């Protein structure tokens, strides 16, 4: 399955990139996110609980980042297990661009799912994937609105902290996109 979409947030590219690299922001925005933690260089572990129709699963996954261009783009590779509910794996290319005083987030993702999730009807999976993406971006945009924006710190951030923030952002965004893709893929698989 392949999914392509564009979303907008009311903040500059730099602010959006920083928020996408902030683990607390990502954890708060990803529906069902229980944890995000670094497991290596450009590698994160995530635990996300999701429900697609009658199937509820707690996915434990590994996210690897590549082709990183700070404040611009990266590629996310994801593998997750949902126990008896099934599995999801795939990749997504994400890019940021300025748009009308805010930021446009473009992504293209490919994923495949298996197990019980693959047996759920495609309408349920499409709906769940769409709702997950909508919820993530609604929460994310809300956190970046001018009234909710927090003034940036004037204290320099050490390089290690900047790398850590980038990793968390990518993990959370990747998890949200991959879960949306997995849900969509399950729907498509159920149709065939």
Protein backbone atom coordinates (compact mmCIF):
# COMPACT_ATOMS: atom_id res chain seq x y z
CA UNK A 1 0.00 0.00 0.00
CA UNK A 2 1.14 3.55 -0.70
CA UNK A 3 -0.25 6.67 0.95
CA UNK A 4 0.57 10.26 0.02
CA UNK A 5 -0.73 13.32 1.84
CA UNK A 6 -0.02 16.93 2.77
CA UNK A 7 -0.76 18.66 6.07
CA UNK A 8 -0.26 22.25 7.23
CA UNK A 9 0.72 23.66 10.61
CA UNK A 10 0.64 27.32 11.71
CA UNK A 11 4.34 27.66 12.55
CA UNK A 12 7.62 28.30 10.75
CA UNK A 13 9.61 25.41 9.31
CA UNK A 14 12.23 25.81 12.06
CA UNK A 15 9.60 25.76 14.82
CA UNK A 16 7.85 22.79 13.23
CA UNK A 17 11.12 20.88 12.87
CA UNK A 18 12.03 21.60 16.51
CA UNK A 19 8.58 20.45 17.69
CA UNK A 20 8.83 17.31 15.60
CA UNK A 21 12.11 16.58 17.38
CA UNK A 22 10.72 17.15 20.88
CA UNK A 23 9.79 13.83 22.51
CA UNK A 24 7.22 15.35 24.85
CA UNK A 25 5.43 17.07 21.98
CA UNK A 26 5.38 13.92 19.88
CA UNK A 27 4.23 11.70 22.71
CA UNK A 28 1.41 14.14 23.44
CA UNK A 29 0.33 14.27 19.79
CA UNK A 30 0.46 10.58 18.81
CA UNK A 31 -2.86 8.94 19.73
CA UNK A 32 -2.26 5.94 22.00
CA UNK A 33 1.48 6.59 22.40
CA UNK A 34 2.72 5.00 25.60
CA UNK A 35 6.45 5.53 25.21
CA UNK A 36 9.25 6.76 22.94
CA UNK A 37 12.87 6.01 23.71
CA UNK A 38 16.20 6.10 21.94
CA UNK A 39 17.73 2.69 21.28
CA UNK A 40 20.73 3.72 19.16
CA UNK A 41 21.98 6.35 16.75
CA UNK A 42 19.08 7.32 14.46
CA UNK A 43 17.02 4.54 16.03
CA UNK A 44 14.06 4.68 18.40
CA UNK A 45 11.66 2.32 20.15
CA UNK A 46 7.97 3.12 20.38
CA UNK A 47 4.96 1.56 22.09
CA UNK A 48 1.59 2.61 20.69
CA UNK A 49 -1.87 1.23 21.41
CA UNK A 50 -4.36 1.40 18.55
CA UNK A 51 -7.80 0.08 17.72
CA UNK A 52 -9.10 -0.80 14.26
CA UNK A 53 -12.72 -1.89 14.40
CA UNK A 54 -12.92 -4.92 16.70
CA UNK A 55 -9.13 -5.40 16.79
CA UNK A 56 -7.16 -3.62 19.50
CA UNK A 57 -3.39 -3.94 19.56
CA UNK A 58 -0.38 -2.68 21.46
CA UNK A 59 2.37 -2.22 18.90
CA UNK A 60 6.00 -2.36 19.93
CA UNK A 61 8.17 -1.05 17.14
CA UNK A 62 11.60 -0.01 16.03
CA UNK A 63 12.04 3.14 13.96
CA UNK A 64 15.19 3.90 12.00
CA UNK A 65 15.87 7.26 10.36
CA UNK A 66 17.90 7.85 7.22
CA UNK A 67 18.50 10.52 4.57
CA UNK A 68 18.27 13.19 7.28
CA UNK A 69 18.37 16.80 6.02
CA UNK A 70 17.83 19.01 9.13
CA UNK A 71 14.79 21.35 8.90
CA UNK A 72 13.92 19.80 5.54
CA UNK A 73 13.37 16.03 5.25
CA UNK A 74 14.15 12.45 6.24
CA UNK A 75 13.09 8.86 5.60
CA UNK A 76 11.57 6.73 8.35
CA UNK A 77 11.75 2.92 8.36
CA UNK A 78 9.37 1.12 10.74
CA UNK A 79 8.83 -2.45 11.95
CA UNK A 80 6.22 -3.16 14.60
CA UNK A 81 4.60 -6.15 16.24
CA UNK A 82 1.11 -6.10 17.68
CA UNK A 83 1.15 -9.60 19.18
CA UNK A 84 -1.79 -11.72 18.06
CA UNK A 85 -3.24 -8.71 16.21
CA UNK A 86 -0.47 -8.81 13.62
CA UNK A 87 2.45 -6.77 12.36
CA UNK A 88 3.21 -3.63 10.38
CA UNK A 89 6.32 -2.58 8.50
CA UNK A 90 7.14 0.07 5.99
CA UNK A 91 8.80 3.38 5.31
CA UNK A 92 7.82 7.00 4.83
CA UNK A 93 9.55 9.99 3.29
CA UNK A 94 8.67 13.23 5.08
CA UNK A 95 9.52 16.77 3.97
CA UNK A 96 8.81 20.26 5.29
CA UNK A 97 8.34 23.45 3.24
CA UNK A 98 7.25 27.01 4.04
CA UNK A 99 3.61 27.77 3.16
CA UNK A 100 1.67 31.01 3.79
CA UNK A 101 3.49 31.86 7.02
CA UNK A 102 3.27 28.26 8.24
CA UNK A 103 4.70 24.91 7.22
CA UNK A 104 3.52 22.28 4.76
CA UNK A 105 4.35 18.69 5.73
CA UNK A 106 4.37 16.29 2.76
CA UNK A 107 4.69 12.55 3.23
CA UNK A 108 4.65 9.44 1.09
CA UNK A 109 4.51 6.11 2.89
CA UNK A 110 4.54 2.47 1.92
CA UNK A 111 3.49 -0.23 4.36
CA UNK A 112 2.28 -3.76 4.73
CA UNK A 113 0.39 -5.42 7.55
CA UNK A 114 -0.44 -8.98 8.47
CA UNK A 115 -2.30 -11.05 11.03
CA UNK A 116 -5.77 -10.27 12.39
CA UNK A 117 -5.44 -6.66 11.29
CA UNK A 118 -5.25 -7.79 7.68
CA UNK A 119 -8.61 -9.51 8.10
CA UNK A 120 -10.44 -6.33 9.16
CA UNK A 121 -12.50 -4.68 6.45
CA UNK A 122 -10.85 -2.02 4.33
CA UNK A 123 -13.40 0.63 5.28
CA UNK A 124 -12.55 0.19 8.94
CA UNK A 125 -8.83 0.37 8.24
CA UNK A 126 -9.17 3.43 5.99
CA UNK A 127 -11.27 5.15 8.64
CA UNK A 128 -8.86 4.28 11.43
CA UNK A 129 -5.83 5.43 9.43
CA UNK A 130 -7.53 8.69 8.51
CA UNK A 131 -8.63 9.32 12.11
CA UNK A 132 -5.14 8.59 13.46
CA UNK A 133 -3.51 11.03 11.04
CA UNK A 134 -6.22 13.67 11.64
CA UNK A 135 -5.88 13.36 15.43
CA UNK A 136 -2.08 13.59 15.30
CA UNK A 137 -2.03 16.68 13.08
CA UNK A 138 -4.89 18.38 14.98
CA UNK A 139 -3.00 17.95 18.27
CA UNK A 140 0.28 18.97 16.65
CA UNK A 141 -1.19 22.10 15.02
CA UNK A 142 -2.89 23.04 18.31
CA UNK A 143 0.43 22.89 20.13
CA UNK A 144 2.01 25.14 17.49
CA UNK A 145 -0.66 27.85 17.37
CA UNK A 146 0.63 31.30 18.38
CA UNK A 147 -1.43 31.35 21.60
CA UNK A 148 0.05 28.00 22.68
CA UNK A 149 3.54 28.65 21.39
CA UNK A 150 6.25 28.97 23.98
CA UNK A 151 9.01 31.49 23.41
CA UNK A 152 12.22 29.74 22.40
CA UNK A 153 14.87 29.49 25.05
CA UNK A 154 17.83 31.84 24.73
CA UNK A 155 20.03 29.25 26.41
CA UNK A 156 22.17 27.41 23.84
CA UNK A 157 21.20 23.76 23.45
CA UNK A 158 24.10 21.29 23.49
CA UNK A 159 24.64 19.32 20.26
CA UNK A 160 23.75 16.01 21.97
CA UNK A 161 20.42 17.46 23.11
CA UNK A 162 19.69 18.69 19.57
CA UNK A 163 20.38 15.23 18.14
CA UNK A 164 18.17 13.65 20.82
CA UNK A 165 15.30 16.02 20.00
CA UNK A 166 15.56 15.27 16.28
CA UNK A 167 15.43 11.56 16.99
CA UNK A 168 12.31 11.83 19.17
CA UNK A 169 10.51 13.93 16.59
CA UNK A 170 11.22 11.53 13.82
CA UNK A 171 10.17 8.56 15.90
CA UNK A 172 6.83 10.02 16.88
CA UNK A 173 6.02 11.26 13.40
CA UNK A 174 7.11 7.97 11.90
CA UNK A 175 4.97 5.99 14.32
CA UNK A 176 1.91 8.10 13.52
CA UNK A 177 2.44 7.82 9.77
CA UNK A 178 3.25 4.11 9.87
CA UNK A 179 0.18 3.35 11.98
CA UNK A 180 -1.97 5.28 9.54
CA UNK A 181 -0.38 3.42 6.64
CA UNK A 182 -0.70 0.06 8.39
CA UNK A 183 -4.39 0.66 8.95
CA UNK A 184 -4.86 1.65 5.32
CA UNK A 185 -2.84 -1.35 4.14
CA UNK A 186 -4.95 -3.70 6.22
CA UNK A 187 -8.05 -2.33 4.59
CA UNK A 188 -6.56 -2.80 1.14
CA UNK A 189 -5.46 -6.34 1.98
CA UNK A 190 -8.90 -7.21 3.26
CA UNK A 191 -10.43 -6.06 -0.02
CA UNK A 192 -8.34 -8.52 -2.05
